[in-house]
Amino acid sequence: MTQTKAALAASTAIATAAAPEVRTVTLDAPFTRGETTIETVLVRKPKSGSLRGLSLSGLLNLEYGALETLLPRITDPMLSKQDIANLDPADLTQLGSEVMDFLLPKGAKQGLSQQT
């Protein structure tokens, strides 16, 4: 069963309205799990407890091991380690970039936007 774009848009709108700390990542290379095709992944802002056992510098550097541990904790549908291992590198980068953006303080984001 493929997720329809209308159903996905509705669930994304609900998730975003309910929690502005949720971002939608559209995969460049969708994958199939069972009979479901995963085309988009919701990534929620991690709470401190979700970061347990992880290095913040590892996450900010988009290190694979750190992302492999964190992403199952903060994605919907939940990505397994096997799913992450099979992701297209561009999709892993997109997911990691959202994580990195969540972790940066507002001041650092403003500083980056002023430099560009």
N, C-alpha and C. Protein backbone atom coordinates (compact mmCIF):
# COMPACT_ATOMS: atom_id res chain seq x y z
N MET A 1 0.85 -1.16 0.00
CA MET A 1 0.00 0.00 0.00
C MET A 1 0.90 1.23 0.00
N THR A 2 0.72 2.11 -0.96
CA THR A 2 1.49 3.33 -1.06
C THR A 2 0.76 4.44 -0.33
N GLN A 3 1.51 5.23 0.44
CA GLN A 3 0.89 6.37 1.10
C GLN A 3 0.48 7.37 0.04
N THR A 4 -0.77 7.78 0.05
CA THR A 4 -1.21 8.76 -0.93
C THR A 4 -0.73 10.13 -0.51
N LYS A 5 -0.52 10.99 -1.49
CA LYS A 5 -0.03 12.33 -1.20
C LYS A 5 -1.03 13.11 -0.36
N ALA A 6 -2.33 12.93 -0.59
CA ALA A 6 -3.35 13.65 0.18
C ALA A 6 -3.33 13.21 1.64
N ALA A 7 -3.24 11.90 1.88
CA ALA A 7 -3.20 11.40 3.24
C ALA A 7 -1.93 11.86 3.94
N LEU A 8 -0.83 11.85 3.21
CA LEU A 8 0.43 12.29 3.77
C LEU A 8 0.39 13.78 4.09
N ALA A 9 -0.17 14.58 3.19
CA ALA A 9 -0.27 16.02 3.42
C ALA A 9 -1.13 16.31 4.64
N ALA A 10 -2.21 15.56 4.79
CA ALA A 10 -3.10 15.75 5.94
C ALA A 10 -2.39 15.40 7.24
N SER A 11 -1.70 14.26 7.27
CA SER A 11 -1.01 13.86 8.50
C SER A 11 0.14 14.81 8.81
N THR A 12 0.81 15.31 7.78
CA THR A 12 1.90 16.27 7.97
C THR A 12 1.35 17.57 8.53
N ALA A 13 0.24 18.04 7.98
CA ALA A 13 -0.37 19.29 8.45
C ALA A 13 -0.79 19.17 9.91
N ILE A 14 -1.36 18.04 10.27
CA ILE A 14 -1.78 17.82 11.65
C ILE A 14 -0.56 17.79 12.57
N ALA A 15 0.46 17.05 12.18
CA ALA A 15 1.66 16.94 13.00
C ALA A 15 2.35 18.29 13.15
N THR A 16 2.42 19.06 12.07
CA THR A 16 3.10 20.35 12.11
C THR A 16 2.31 21.34 12.95
N ALA A 17 0.98 21.33 12.82
CA ALA A 17 0.15 22.25 13.59
C ALA A 17 0.21 21.91 15.08
N ALA A 18 0.21 20.62 15.38
CA ALA A 18 0.23 20.19 16.77
C ALA A 18 1.60 20.39 17.40
N ALA A 19 2.64 20.25 16.62
CA ALA A 19 4.00 20.35 17.13
C ALA A 19 4.89 21.02 16.10
N PRO A 20 5.12 22.34 16.23
CA PRO A 20 5.96 23.02 15.26
C PRO A 20 7.40 22.51 15.28
N GLU A 21 7.68 21.63 16.22
CA GLU A 21 9.01 21.06 16.33
C GLU A 21 9.14 19.80 15.50
N VAL A 22 8.28 19.65 14.50
CA VAL A 22 8.30 18.49 13.61
C VAL A 22 8.54 18.97 12.19
N ARG A 23 9.44 18.30 11.51
CA ARG A 23 9.75 18.64 10.12
C ARG A 23 9.48 17.43 9.24
N THR A 24 9.13 17.69 8.00
CA THR A 24 8.88 16.63 7.03
C THR A 24 10.03 16.57 6.05
N VAL A 25 10.58 15.38 5.88
CA VAL A 25 11.65 15.15 4.91
C VAL A 25 11.09 14.25 3.81
N THR A 26 11.12 14.74 2.59
CA THR A 26 10.71 13.94 1.44
C THR A 26 11.94 13.22 0.91
N LEU A 27 11.88 11.92 0.89
CA LEU A 27 13.03 11.12 0.49
C LEU A 27 13.27 11.19 -1.01
N ASP A 28 14.52 11.35 -1.41
CA ASP A 28 14.89 11.31 -2.83
C ASP A 28 14.72 9.89 -3.38
N ALA A 29 14.97 8.92 -2.51
CA ALA A 29 14.87 7.51 -2.91
C ALA A 29 13.95 6.79 -1.92
N PRO A 30 12.63 6.85 -2.15
CA PRO A 30 11.70 6.16 -1.26
C PRO A 30 12.03 4.67 -1.18
N PHE A 31 11.67 4.06 -0.06
CA PHE A 31 11.93 2.63 0.09
C PHE A 31 10.66 1.93 0.56
N THR A 32 10.66 0.60 0.42
CA THR A 32 9.50 -0.19 0.78
C THR A 32 9.81 -1.00 2.03
N ARG A 33 8.86 -0.97 2.96
CA ARG A 33 8.95 -1.80 4.17
C ARG A 33 7.65 -2.60 4.20
N GLY A 34 7.78 -3.89 3.98
CA GLY A 34 6.58 -4.72 3.88
C GLY A 34 5.81 -4.33 2.63
N GLU A 35 4.56 -3.92 2.81
CA GLU A 35 3.75 -3.48 1.68
C GLU A 35 3.62 -1.97 1.62
N THR A 36 4.32 -1.27 2.50
CA THR A 36 4.22 0.18 2.58
C THR A 36 5.44 0.84 1.96
N THR A 37 5.20 1.81 1.10
CA THR A 37 6.29 2.59 0.52
C THR A 37 6.47 3.84 1.38
N ILE A 38 7.67 4.04 1.87
CA ILE A 38 7.99 5.20 2.70
C ILE A 38 8.56 6.27 1.79
N GLU A 39 7.81 7.35 1.62
CA GLU A 39 8.23 8.45 0.75
C GLU A 39 8.65 9.68 1.55
N THR A 40 8.05 9.84 2.73
CA THR A 40 8.40 10.96 3.59
C THR A 40 8.58 10.46 5.01
N VAL A 41 9.37 11.20 5.76
CA VAL A 41 9.64 10.87 7.15
C VAL A 41 9.45 12.14 7.97
N LEU A 42 8.70 12.04 9.06
CA LEU A 42 8.58 13.15 9.99
C LEU A 42 9.72 13.05 10.99
N VAL A 43 10.38 14.16 11.23
CA VAL A 43 11.48 14.21 12.19
C VAL A 43 11.08 15.21 13.26
N ARG A 44 11.05 14.77 14.52
CA ARG A 44 10.70 15.69 15.59
C ARG A 44 11.95 16.14 16.32
N LYS A 45 11.86 17.33 16.88
CA LYS A 45 12.99 17.88 17.63
C LYS A 45 13.27 16.97 18.82
N PRO A 46 14.52 16.53 18.97
CA PRO A 46 14.82 15.63 20.08
C PRO A 46 14.82 16.37 21.41
N LYS A 47 14.34 15.71 22.43
CA LYS A 47 14.47 16.20 23.80
C LYS A 47 15.81 15.71 24.33
N SER A 48 16.24 16.27 25.42
CA SER A 48 17.55 15.90 25.97
C SER A 48 17.66 14.41 26.23
N GLY A 49 16.58 13.78 26.68
CA GLY A 49 16.62 12.34 26.95
C GLY A 49 16.87 11.51 25.70
N SER A 50 16.43 12.01 24.55
CA SER A 50 16.66 11.30 23.28
C SER A 50 18.13 11.31 22.89
N LEU A 51 18.87 12.24 23.48
CA LEU A 51 20.29 12.38 23.14
C LEU A 51 21.19 11.54 24.05
N ARG A 52 20.58 10.81 24.96
CA ARG A 52 21.34 10.00 25.92
C ARG A 52 22.34 9.10 25.22
N GLY A 53 23.58 9.17 25.68
CA GLY A 53 24.62 8.31 25.13
C GLY A 53 25.22 8.79 23.83
N LEU A 54 24.81 9.96 23.38
CA LEU A 54 25.30 10.47 22.09
C LEU A 54 26.19 11.69 22.30
N SER A 55 27.07 11.90 21.36
CA SER A 55 27.92 13.09 21.35
C SER A 55 27.25 14.15 20.50
N LEU A 56 27.03 15.34 21.08
CA LEU A 56 26.44 16.43 20.30
C LEU A 56 27.33 16.80 19.12
N SER A 57 28.63 16.76 19.34
CA SER A 57 29.54 17.09 18.23
C SER A 57 29.42 16.05 17.12
N GLY A 58 29.19 14.79 17.48
CA GLY A 58 28.99 13.75 16.48
C GLY A 58 27.75 14.01 15.65
N LEU A 59 26.67 14.43 16.31
CA LEU A 59 25.44 14.75 15.58
C LEU A 59 25.62 15.97 14.70
N LEU A 60 26.29 17.00 15.22
CA LEU A 60 26.50 18.23 14.44
C LEU A 60 27.43 17.99 13.26
N ASN A 61 28.28 16.96 13.36
CA ASN A 61 29.16 16.59 12.25
C ASN A 61 28.52 15.54 11.34
N LEU A 62 27.26 15.22 11.61
CA LEU A 62 26.50 14.23 10.82
C LEU A 62 27.19 12.87 10.77
N GLU A 63 27.77 12.46 11.90
CA GLU A 63 28.43 11.16 11.96
C GLU A 63 27.37 10.05 11.89
N TYR A 64 27.65 9.07 11.06
CA TYR A 64 26.69 7.99 10.81
C TYR A 64 26.25 7.30 12.09
N GLY A 65 27.18 6.91 12.93
CA GLY A 65 26.83 6.16 14.15
C GLY A 65 25.90 6.93 15.06
N ALA A 66 26.13 8.23 15.18
CA ALA A 66 25.27 9.06 16.03
C ALA A 66 23.87 9.17 15.42
N LEU A 67 23.79 9.37 14.11
CA LEU A 67 22.48 9.45 13.45
C LEU A 67 21.75 8.12 13.50
N GLU A 68 22.50 7.03 13.35
CA GLU A 68 21.90 5.69 13.38
C GLU A 68 21.25 5.41 14.74
N THR A 69 21.81 5.98 15.79
CA THR A 69 21.26 5.80 17.13
C THR A 69 20.08 6.73 17.38
N LEU A 70 20.20 7.99 16.94
CA LEU A 70 19.17 8.98 17.24
C LEU A 70 17.92 8.87 16.36
N LEU A 71 18.09 8.66 15.07
CA LEU A 71 16.94 8.70 14.16
C LEU A 71 15.80 7.75 14.54
N PRO A 72 16.06 6.51 14.99
CA PRO A 72 14.93 5.67 15.40
C PRO A 72 14.13 6.26 16.57
N ARG A 73 14.75 7.11 17.35
CA ARG A 73 14.10 7.71 18.50
C ARG A 73 13.20 8.89 18.13
N ILE A 74 13.43 9.50 16.96
CA ILE A 74 12.74 10.77 16.66
C ILE A 74 12.05 10.80 15.30
N THR A 75 11.88 9.66 14.65
CA THR A 75 11.26 9.65 13.32
C THR A 75 9.91 8.94 13.34
N ASP A 76 9.06 9.35 12.41
CA ASP A 76 7.76 8.71 12.19
C ASP A 76 7.53 8.64 10.69
N PRO A 77 7.43 7.46 10.11
CA PRO A 77 7.53 6.17 10.77
C PRO A 77 8.93 5.97 11.34
N MET A 78 8.99 5.19 12.42
CA MET A 78 10.27 4.95 13.06
C MET A 78 11.19 4.22 12.09
N LEU A 79 12.35 4.81 11.86
CA LEU A 79 13.34 4.17 10.99
C LEU A 79 14.18 3.22 11.83
N SER A 80 14.29 1.99 11.39
CA SER A 80 15.14 1.02 12.07
C SER A 80 16.59 1.23 11.64
N LYS A 81 17.50 0.60 12.35
CA LYS A 81 18.91 0.70 11.95
C LYS A 81 19.10 0.13 10.54
N GLN A 82 18.34 -0.91 10.21
CA GLN A 82 18.43 -1.48 8.86
C GLN A 82 17.92 -0.50 7.82
N ASP A 83 16.82 0.19 8.13
CA ASP A 83 16.30 1.22 7.21
C ASP A 83 17.36 2.29 6.98
N ILE A 84 17.99 2.73 8.05
CA ILE A 84 19.00 3.79 7.96
C ILE A 84 20.20 3.31 7.15
N ALA A 85 20.60 2.06 7.36
CA ALA A 85 21.74 1.51 6.61
C ALA A 85 21.45 1.46 5.12
N ASN A 86 20.19 1.32 4.74
CA ASN A 86 19.82 1.21 3.33
C ASN A 86 19.39 2.53 2.70
N LEU A 87 19.41 3.62 3.47
CA LEU A 87 19.01 4.92 2.92
C LEU A 87 19.99 5.39 1.86
N ASP A 88 19.47 6.12 0.90
CA ASP A 88 20.31 6.83 -0.06
C ASP A 88 21.12 7.86 0.74
N PRO A 89 22.41 8.04 0.46
CA PRO A 89 23.21 9.01 1.21
C PRO A 89 22.61 10.42 1.22
N ALA A 90 21.97 10.82 0.14
CA ALA A 90 21.34 12.15 0.10
C ALA A 90 20.20 12.23 1.12
N ASP A 91 19.47 11.14 1.30
CA ASP A 91 18.38 11.12 2.27
C ASP A 91 18.91 11.15 3.70
N LEU A 92 19.99 10.43 3.96
CA LEU A 92 20.61 10.47 5.28
C LEU A 92 21.10 11.88 5.58
N THR A 93 21.65 12.55 4.58
CA THR A 93 22.11 13.92 4.76
C THR A 93 20.94 14.86 5.05
N GLN A 94 19.83 14.68 4.35
CA GLN A 94 18.64 15.51 4.62
C GLN A 94 18.15 15.32 6.05
N LEU A 95 18.05 14.08 6.49
CA LEU A 95 17.59 13.80 7.85
C LEU A 95 18.57 14.37 8.87
N GLY A 96 19.86 14.17 8.63
CA GLY A 96 20.88 14.69 9.53
C GLY A 96 20.88 16.21 9.59
N SER A 97 20.61 16.85 8.47
CA SER A 97 20.56 18.31 8.43
C SER A 97 19.41 18.85 9.27
N GLU A 98 18.29 18.15 9.26
CA GLU A 98 17.17 18.56 10.12
C GLU A 98 17.54 18.41 11.58
N VAL A 99 18.20 17.31 11.93
CA VAL A 99 18.66 17.11 13.30
C VAL A 99 19.61 18.23 13.69
N MET A 100 20.57 18.53 12.83
CA MET A 100 21.55 19.58 13.11
C MET A 100 20.84 20.92 13.33
N ASP A 101 19.86 21.23 12.49
CA ASP A 101 19.13 22.49 12.62
C ASP A 101 18.38 22.56 13.96
N PHE A 102 17.81 21.44 14.39
CA PHE A 102 17.13 21.41 15.69
C PHE A 102 18.10 21.69 16.83
N LEU A 103 19.33 21.23 16.72
CA LEU A 103 20.29 21.33 17.82
C LEU A 103 20.96 22.69 17.94
N LEU A 104 20.99 23.44 16.85
CA LEU A 104 21.64 24.75 16.89
C LEU A 104 20.79 25.75 17.67
N PRO A 105 21.42 26.52 18.57
CA PRO A 105 20.67 27.57 19.27
C PRO A 105 20.26 28.68 18.30
N LYS A 106 19.22 29.43 18.66
CA LYS A 106 18.72 30.49 17.80
C LYS A 106 19.81 31.49 17.44
N GLY A 107 20.65 31.85 18.40
CA GLY A 107 21.72 32.81 18.14
C GLY A 107 22.69 32.32 17.08
N ALA A 108 23.00 31.04 17.11
CA ALA A 108 23.92 30.48 16.11
C ALA A 108 23.28 30.49 14.73
N LYS A 109 21.98 30.22 14.67
CA LYS A 109 21.28 30.25 13.38
C LYS A 109 21.26 31.67 12.82
N GLN A 110 21.03 32.66 13.69
CA GLN A 110 21.02 34.05 13.24
C GLN A 110 22.40 34.46 12.75
N GLY A 111 23.44 34.02 13.44
CA GLY A 111 24.80 34.32 13.01
C GLY A 111 25.11 33.72 11.66
N LEU A 112 24.64 32.51 11.42
CA LEU A 112 24.85 31.87 10.13
C LEU A 112 24.10 32.59 9.02
N SER A 113 22.86 33.02 9.30
CA SER A 113 22.09 33.69 8.25
C SER A 113 22.67 35.07 7.93
N GLN A 114 23.31 35.71 8.88
CA GLN A 114 23.93 37.01 8.64
C GLN A 114 25.20 36.88 7.82
N GLN A 115 25.87 35.74 7.91
CA GLN A 115 27.10 35.52 7.16
C GLN A 115 26.83 35.26 5.70
N THR A 116 25.64 34.78 5.37
CA THR A 116 25.34 34.45 3.98
C THR A 116 24.65 35.57 3.26
